[in-house]
Amino acid sequence: MTAPGGWRRSSYCAAGDCIEVKATVPGYPEIGLVHLRRVVAPDGLVWDSMVVSRPEFDAFLAAAKAGESGDLVTP
């Protein structure tokens, strides 16, 4: 799902508490850096943000998809 300003938001967001991501060069996510931010409801304030390299972000996604962070989630 796309949020204002080209940010991408997970479809798993609950009540507006979301992590959003944005590539440095829109349309070319393989170039540069990836910006991440935490947006909190109800007013959509940005509480935290950080920038990581594309290889770091890709490694994180691969680990998450492989279930390596499953112990961080409470069922």
PDB file of N, CA and C in Angstrom:
ATOM      1  N   MET A   1       0.859  -1.164   0.000  1.00  0.00           N
ATOM      2  CA  MET A   1       0.000   0.000   0.000  1.00  0.00           C
ATOM      3  C   MET A   1       0.911   1.234   0.000  1.00  0.00           C
ATOM      4  N   THR A   2       0.574   2.255  -0.764  1.00  0.00           N
ATOM      5  CA  THR A   2       1.378   3.466  -0.833  1.00  0.00           C
ATOM      6  C   THR A   2       0.799   4.538   0.083  1.00  0.00           C
ATOM      7  N   ALA A   3       1.670   5.163   0.855  1.00  0.00           N
ATOM      8  CA  ALA A   3       1.293   6.255   1.744  1.00  0.00           C
ATOM      9  C   ALA A   3       1.742   7.564   1.097  1.00  0.00           C
ATOM     10  N   PRO A   4       1.278   8.712   1.604  1.00  0.00           N
ATOM     11  CA  PRO A   4       1.685   9.989   1.025  1.00  0.00           C
ATOM     12  C   PRO A   4       3.209  10.143   0.965  1.00  0.00           C
ATOM     13  N   GLY A   5       3.697  10.817  -0.077  1.00  0.00           N
ATOM     14  CA  GLY A   5       5.120  11.073  -0.214  1.00  0.00           C
ATOM     15  C   GLY A   5       5.921   9.915  -0.776  1.00  0.00           C
ATOM     16  N   GLY A   6       5.231   8.901  -1.316  1.00  0.00           N
ATOM     17  CA  GLY A   6       5.931   7.773  -1.893  1.00  0.00           C
ATOM     18  C   GLY A   6       6.353   6.703  -0.903  1.00  0.00           C
ATOM     19  N   TRP A   7       5.977   6.856   0.356  1.00  0.00           N
ATOM     20  CA  TRP A   7       6.276   5.843   1.359  1.00  0.00           C
ATOM     21  C   TRP A   7       5.401   4.621   1.117  1.00  0.00           C
ATOM     22  N   ARG A   8       5.941   3.429   1.391  1.00  0.00           N
ATOM     23  CA  ARG A   8       5.179   2.189   1.259  1.00  0.00           C
ATOM     24  C   ARG A   8       4.887   1.658   2.650  1.00  0.00           C
ATOM     25  N   ARG A   9       3.651   1.256   2.855  1.00  0.00           N
ATOM     26  CA  ARG A   9       3.183   0.792   4.158  1.00  0.00           C
ATOM     27  C   ARG A   9       2.707  -0.646   4.037  1.00  0.00           C
ATOM     28  N   SER A  10       3.011  -1.428   5.057  1.00  0.00           N
ATOM     29  CA  SER A  10       2.577  -2.822   5.065  1.00  0.00           C
ATOM     30  C   SER A  10       1.060  -2.919   5.141  1.00  0.00           C
ATOM     31  N   SER A  11       0.514  -3.909   4.455  1.00  0.00           N
ATOM     32  CA  SER A  11      -0.926  -4.156   4.552  1.00  0.00           C
ATOM     33  C   SER A  11      -1.277  -4.779   5.897  1.00  0.00           C
ATOM     34  N   TYR A  12      -0.280  -5.130   6.698  1.00  0.00           N
ATOM     35  CA  TYR A  12      -0.496  -5.706   8.018  1.00  0.00           C
ATOM     36  C   TYR A  12      -0.578  -4.651   9.124  1.00  0.00           C
ATOM     37  N   CYS A  13      -0.525  -3.376   8.780  1.00  0.00           N
ATOM     38  CA  CYS A  13      -0.598  -2.315   9.788  1.00  0.00           C
ATOM     39  C   CYS A  13      -1.889  -2.442  10.590  1.00  0.00           C
ATOM     40  N   ALA A  14      -1.758  -2.260  11.882  1.00  0.00           N
ATOM     41  CA  ALA A  14      -2.927  -2.341  12.768  1.00  0.00           C
ATOM     42  C   ALA A  14      -3.211  -0.967  13.354  1.00  0.00           C
ATOM     43  N   ALA A  15      -4.387  -0.457  13.113  1.00  0.00           N
ATOM     44  CA  ALA A  15      -4.840   0.815  13.693  1.00  0.00           C
ATOM     45  C   ALA A  15      -3.876   1.970  13.423  1.00  0.00           C
ATOM     46  N   GLY A  16      -3.157   1.911  12.312  1.00  0.00           N
ATOM     47  CA  GLY A  16      -2.284   3.016  11.948  1.00  0.00           C
ATOM     48  C   GLY A  16      -0.899   2.977  12.547  1.00  0.00           C
ATOM     49  N   ASP A  17      -0.596   1.994  13.390  1.00  0.00           N
ATOM     50  CA  ASP A  17       0.759   1.846  13.916  1.00  0.00           C
ATOM     51  C   ASP A  17       1.549   1.041  12.902  1.00  0.00           C
ATOM     52  N   CYS A  18       2.397   1.723  12.135  1.00  0.00           N
ATOM     53  CA  CYS A  18       2.991   1.097  10.966  1.00  0.00           C
ATOM     54  C   CYS A  18       4.475   1.387  10.821  1.00  0.00           C
ATOM     55  N   ILE A  19       5.130   0.502  10.098  1.00  0.00           N
ATOM     56  CA  ILE A  19       6.474   0.752   9.612  1.00  0.00           C
ATOM     57  C   ILE A  19       6.330   1.064   8.128  1.00  0.00           C
ATOM     58  N   GLU A  20       6.947   2.156   7.686  1.00  0.00           N
ATOM     59  CA  GLU A  20       6.896   2.530   6.276  1.00  0.00           C
ATOM     60  C   GLU A  20       8.316   2.541   5.717  1.00  0.00           C
ATOM     61  N   VAL A  21       8.452   2.239   4.435  1.00  0.00           N
ATOM     62  CA  VAL A  21       9.752   2.230   3.765  1.00  0.00           C
ATOM     63  C   VAL A  21       9.682   3.061   2.495  1.00  0.00           C
ATOM     64  N   LYS A  22      10.844   3.573   2.099  1.00  0.00           N
ATOM     65  CA  LYS A  22      10.912   4.389   0.881  1.00  0.00           C
ATOM     66  C   LYS A  22      12.321   4.274   0.310  1.00  0.00           C
ATOM     67  N   ALA A  23      12.427   3.979  -0.977  1.00  0.00           N
ATOM     68  CA  ALA A  23      13.727   3.920  -1.641  1.00  0.00           C
ATOM     69  C   ALA A  23      14.243   5.334  -1.865  1.00  0.00           C
ATOM     70  N   THR A  24      15.559   5.484  -1.840  1.00  0.00           N
ATOM     71  CA  THR A  24      16.177   6.790  -2.064  1.00  0.00           C
ATOM     72  C   THR A  24      15.810   7.342  -3.429  1.00  0.00           C
ATOM     73  N   VAL A  25      15.854   6.488  -4.433  1.00  0.00           N
ATOM     74  CA  VAL A  25      15.533   6.891  -5.803  1.00  0.00           C
ATOM     75  C   VAL A  25      14.233   6.192  -6.189  1.00  0.00           C
ATOM     76  N   PRO A  26      13.078   6.869  -6.069  1.00  0.00           N
ATOM     77  CA  PRO A  26      11.800   6.222  -6.408  1.00  0.00           C
ATOM     78  C   PRO A  26      11.836   5.620  -7.809  1.00  0.00           C
ATOM     79  N   GLY A  27      11.314   4.411  -7.905  1.00  0.00           N
ATOM     80  CA  GLY A  27      11.300   3.718  -9.185  1.00  0.00           C
ATOM     81  C   GLY A  27      12.533   2.866  -9.427  1.00  0.00           C
ATOM     82  N   TYR A  28      13.586   3.085  -8.622  1.00  0.00           N
ATOM     83  CA  TYR A  28      14.828   2.325  -8.742  1.00  0.00           C
ATOM     84  C   TYR A  28      15.270   1.852  -7.357  1.00  0.00           C
ATOM     85  N   PRO A  29      14.500   0.932  -6.737  1.00  0.00           N
ATOM     86  CA  PRO A  29      14.798   0.520  -5.366  1.00  0.00           C
ATOM     87  C   PRO A  29      16.141  -0.180  -5.204  1.00  0.00           C
ATOM     88  N   GLU A  30      16.728  -0.654  -6.302  1.00  0.00           N
ATOM     89  CA  GLU A  30      18.008  -1.353  -6.189  1.00  0.00           C
ATOM     90  C   GLU A  30      19.184  -0.390  -6.018  1.00  0.00           C
ATOM     91  N   ILE A  31      18.934   0.899  -6.163  1.00  0.00           N
ATOM     92  CA  ILE A  31      19.991   1.908  -6.055  1.00  0.00           C
ATOM     93  C   ILE A  31      19.926   2.578  -4.688  1.00  0.00           C
ATOM     94  N   GLY A  32      21.066   2.776  -4.083  1.00  0.00           N
ATOM     95  CA  GLY A  32      21.135   3.641  -2.916  1.00  0.00           C
ATOM     96  C   GLY A  32      20.670   3.048  -1.608  1.00  0.00           C
ATOM     97  N   LEU A  33      19.918   3.868  -0.897  1.00  0.00           N
ATOM     98  CA  LEU A  33      19.532   3.576   0.471  1.00  0.00           C
ATOM     99  C   LEU A  33      18.036   3.361   0.607  1.00  0.00           C
ATOM    100  N   VAL A  34      17.654   2.754   1.717  1.00  0.00           N
ATOM    101  CA  VAL A  34      16.242   2.558   2.031  1.00  0.00           C
ATOM    102  C   VAL A  34      15.957   3.285   3.342  1.00  0.00           C
ATOM    103  N   HIS A  35      14.949   4.127   3.334  1.00  0.00           N
ATOM    104  CA  HIS A  35      14.536   4.870   4.523  1.00  0.00           C
ATOM    105  C   HIS A  35      13.408   4.095   5.198  1.00  0.00           C
ATOM    106  N   LEU A  36      13.472   3.978   6.521  1.00  0.00           N
ATOM    107  CA  LEU A  36      12.421   3.330   7.290  1.00  0.00           C
ATOM    108  C   LEU A  36      11.941   4.311   8.344  1.00  0.00           C
ATOM    109  N   ARG A  37      10.649   4.264   8.649  1.00  0.00           N
ATOM    110  CA  ARG A  37      10.124   5.114   9.711  1.00  0.00           C
ATOM    111  C   ARG A  37       8.941   4.428  10.385  1.00  0.00           C
ATOM    112  N   ARG A  38       8.726   4.779  11.635  1.00  0.00           N
ATOM    113  CA  ARG A  38       7.594   4.249  12.399  1.00  0.00           C
ATOM    114  C   ARG A  38       6.559   5.346  12.519  1.00  0.00           C
ATOM    115  N   VAL A  39       5.357   5.076  12.063  1.00  0.00           N
ATOM    116  CA  VAL A  39       4.257   6.033  12.098  1.00  0.00           C
ATOM    117  C   VAL A  39       3.229   5.521  13.095  1.00  0.00           C
ATOM    118  N   VAL A  40       2.806   6.398  13.996  1.00  0.00           N
ATOM    119  CA  VAL A  40       1.903   5.992  15.070  1.00  0.00           C
ATOM    120  C   VAL A  40       0.569   6.707  14.953  1.00  0.00           C
ATOM    121  N   ALA A  41      -0.526   5.939  15.088  1.00  0.00           N
ATOM    122  CA  ALA A  41      -1.885   6.483  15.064  1.00  0.00           C
ATOM    123  C   ALA A  41      -2.162   7.182  16.381  1.00  0.00           C
ATOM    124  N   PRO A  42      -3.151   8.019  16.487  1.00  0.00           N
ATOM    125  CA  PRO A  42      -4.131   8.319  15.446  1.00  0.00           C
ATOM    126  C   PRO A  42      -3.736   9.492  14.564  1.00  0.00           C
ATOM    127  N   ASP A  43      -2.703  10.244  14.940  1.00  0.00           N
ATOM    128  CA  ASP A  43      -2.390  11.462  14.194  1.00  0.00           C
ATOM    129  C   ASP A  43      -1.301  11.281  13.148  1.00  0.00           C
ATOM    130  N   GLY A  44      -0.752  10.082  13.009  1.00  0.00           N
ATOM    131  CA  GLY A  44       0.233   9.817  11.973  1.00  0.00           C
ATOM    132  C   GLY A  44       1.601  10.411  12.226  1.00  0.00           C
ATOM    133  N   LEU A  45       1.943  10.652  13.495  1.00  0.00           N
ATOM    134  CA  LEU A  45       3.256  11.198  13.813  1.00  0.00           C
ATOM    135  C   LEU A  45       4.361  10.198  13.496  1.00  0.00           C
ATOM    136  N   VAL A  46       5.489  10.703  13.019  1.00  0.00           N
ATOM    137  CA  VAL A  46       6.659   9.868  12.783  1.00  0.00           C
ATOM    138  C   VAL A  46       7.483   9.879  14.065  1.00  0.00           C
ATOM    139  N   TRP A  47       7.633   8.705  14.676  1.00  0.00           N
ATOM    140  CA  TRP A  47       8.340   8.615  15.953  1.00  0.00           C
ATOM    141  C   TRP A  47       9.805   8.289  15.794  1.00  0.00           C
ATOM    142  N   ASP A  48      10.144   7.410  14.911  1.00  0.00           N
ATOM    143  CA  ASP A  48      11.528   6.989  14.710  1.00  0.00           C
ATOM    144  C   ASP A  48      11.788   6.867  13.221  1.00  0.00           C
ATOM    145  N   SER A  49      13.029   7.072  12.834  1.00  0.00           N
ATOM    146  CA  SER A  49      13.376   6.834  11.442  1.00  0.00           C
ATOM    147  C   SER A  49      14.842   6.431  11.356  1.00  0.00           C
ATOM    148  N   MET A  50      15.167   5.734  10.287  1.00  0.00           N
ATOM    149  CA  MET A  50      16.549   5.331  10.061  1.00  0.00           C
ATOM    150  C   MET A  50      16.760   5.076   8.579  1.00  0.00           C
ATOM    151  N   VAL A  51      18.017   5.027   8.182  1.00  0.00           N
ATOM    152  CA  VAL A  51      18.381   4.758   6.792  1.00  0.00           C
ATOM    153  C   VAL A  51      19.352   3.587   6.796  1.00  0.00           C
ATOM    154  N   VAL A  52      19.115   2.620   5.905  1.00  0.00           N
ATOM    155  CA  VAL A  52      19.999   1.466   5.767  1.00  0.00           C
ATOM    156  C   VAL A  52      20.365   1.300   4.299  1.00  0.00           C
ATOM    157  N   SER A  53      21.441   0.585   4.056  1.00  0.00           N
ATOM    158  CA  SER A  53      21.826   0.325   2.666  1.00  0.00           C
ATOM    159  C   SER A  53      20.884  -0.714   2.070  1.00  0.00           C
ATOM    160  N   ARG A  54      20.817  -0.753   0.771  1.00  0.00           N
ATOM    161  CA  ARG A  54      19.960  -1.731   0.098  1.00  0.00           C
ATOM    162  C   ARG A  54      20.360  -3.169   0.450  1.00  0.00           C
ATOM    163  N   PRO A  55      21.671  -3.499   0.487  1.00  0.00           N
ATOM    164  CA  PRO A  55      22.037  -4.863   0.885  1.00  0.00           C
ATOM    165  C   PRO A  55      21.605  -5.199   2.318  1.00  0.00           C
ATOM    166  N   GLU A  56      21.686  -4.244   3.227  1.00  0.00           N
ATOM    167  CA  GLU A  56      21.226  -4.486   4.602  1.00  0.00           C
ATOM    168  C   GLU A  56      19.726  -4.761   4.627  1.00  0.00           C
ATOM    169  N   PHE A  57      18.977  -3.963   3.890  1.00  0.00           N
ATOM    170  CA  PHE A  57      17.520  -4.131   3.853  1.00  0.00           C
ATOM    171  C   PHE A  57      17.154  -5.474   3.227  1.00  0.00           C
ATOM    172  N   ASP A  58      17.840  -5.833   2.142  1.00  0.00           N
ATOM    173  CA  ASP A  58      17.579  -7.121   1.490  1.00  0.00           C
ATOM    174  C   ASP A  58      17.874  -8.285   2.436  1.00  0.00           C
ATOM    175  N   ALA A  59      18.952  -8.180   3.216  1.00  0.00           N
ATOM    176  CA  ALA A  59      19.299  -9.242   4.169  1.00  0.00           C
ATOM    177  C   ALA A  59      18.231  -9.344   5.257  1.00  0.00           C
ATOM    178  N   PHE A  60      17.734  -8.206   5.723  1.00  0.00           N
ATOM    179  CA  PHE A  60      16.675  -8.214   6.731  1.00  0.00           C
ATOM    180  C   PHE A  60      15.408  -8.875   6.184  1.00  0.00           C
ATOM    181  N   LEU A  61      15.006  -8.508   4.976  1.00  0.00           N
ATOM    182  CA  LEU A  61      13.816  -9.100   4.371  1.00  0.00           C
ATOM    183  C   LEU A  61      13.968 -10.608   4.194  1.00  0.00           C
ATOM    184  N   ALA A  62      15.136 -11.034   3.735  1.00  0.00           N
ATOM    185  CA  ALA A  62      15.367 -12.462   3.537  1.00  0.00           C
ATOM    186  C   ALA A  62      15.255 -13.208   4.870  1.00  0.00           C
ATOM    187  N   ALA A  63      15.824 -12.639   5.934  1.00  0.00           N
ATOM    188  CA  ALA A  63      15.762 -13.271   7.252  1.00  0.00           C
ATOM    189  C   ALA A  63      14.325 -13.328   7.763  1.00  0.00           C
ATOM    190  N   ALA A  64      13.584 -12.239   7.573  1.00  0.00           N
ATOM    191  CA  ALA A  64      12.190 -12.205   8.026  1.00  0.00           C
ATOM    192  C   ALA A  64      11.351 -13.231   7.272  1.00  0.00           C
ATOM    193  N   LYS A  65      11.545 -13.325   5.976  1.00  0.00           N
ATOM    194  CA  LYS A  65      10.804 -14.294   5.163  1.00  0.00           C
ATOM    195  C   LYS A  65      11.167 -15.720   5.539  1.00  0.00           C
ATOM    196  N   ALA A  66      12.385 -15.939   6.014  1.00  0.00           N
ATOM    197  CA  ALA A  66      12.828 -17.273   6.408  1.00  0.00           C
ATOM    198  C   ALA A  66      12.384 -17.618   7.827  1.00  0.00           C
ATOM    199  N   GLY A  67      11.720 -16.668   8.495  1.00  0.00           N
ATOM    200  CA  GLY A  67      11.222 -16.918   9.832  1.00  0.00           C
ATOM    201  C   GLY A  67      12.226 -16.721  10.943  1.00  0.00           C
ATOM    202  N   GLU A  68      13.360 -16.086  10.640  1.00  0.00           N
ATOM    203  CA  GLU A  68      14.403 -15.901  11.636  1.00  0.00           C
ATOM    204  C   GLU A  68      14.031 -14.942  12.757  1.00  0.00           C
ATOM    205  N   SER A  69      12.996 -14.146  12.559  1.00  0.00           N
ATOM    206  CA  SER A  69      12.589 -13.201  13.616  1.00  0.00           C
ATOM    207  C   SER A  69      11.313 -13.657  14.301  1.00  0.00           C
ATOM    208  N   GLY A  70      10.900 -14.883  14.057  1.00  0.00           N
ATOM    209  CA  GLY A  70       9.677 -15.411  14.634  1.00  0.00           C
ATOM    210  C   GLY A  70       9.634 -15.376  16.147  1.00  0.00           C
ATOM    211  N   ASP A  71      10.788 -15.452  16.792  1.00  0.00           N
ATOM    212  CA  ASP A  71      10.823 -15.431  18.251  1.00  0.00           C
ATOM    213  C   ASP A  71      10.540 -14.041  18.828  1.00  0.00           C
ATOM    214  N   LEU A  72      10.499 -13.020  17.984  1.00  0.00           N
ATOM    215  CA  LEU A  72      10.205 -11.654  18.444  1.00  0.00           C
ATOM    216  C   LEU A  72       8.715 -11.376  18.493  1.00  0.00           C
ATOM    217  N   VAL A  73       7.925 -12.255  17.907  1.00  0.00           N
ATOM    218  CA  VAL A  73       6.478 -12.065  17.814  1.00  0.00           C
ATOM    219  C   VAL A  73       5.783 -12.970  18.814  1.00  0.00           C
ATOM    220  N   THR A  74       4.872 -12.388  19.568  1.00  0.00           N
ATOM    221  CA  THR A  74       4.098 -13.185  20.524  1.00  0.00           C
ATOM    222  C   THR A  74       2.796 -13.606  19.856  1.00  0.00           C
ATOM    223  N   PRO A  75       2.501 -14.898  19.856  1.00  0.00           N
ATOM    224  CA  PRO A  75       1.258 -15.352  19.204  1.00  0.00           C
ATOM    225  C   PRO A  75       0.021 -14.852  19.922  1.00  0.00           C
TER     226      PRO A  75
END
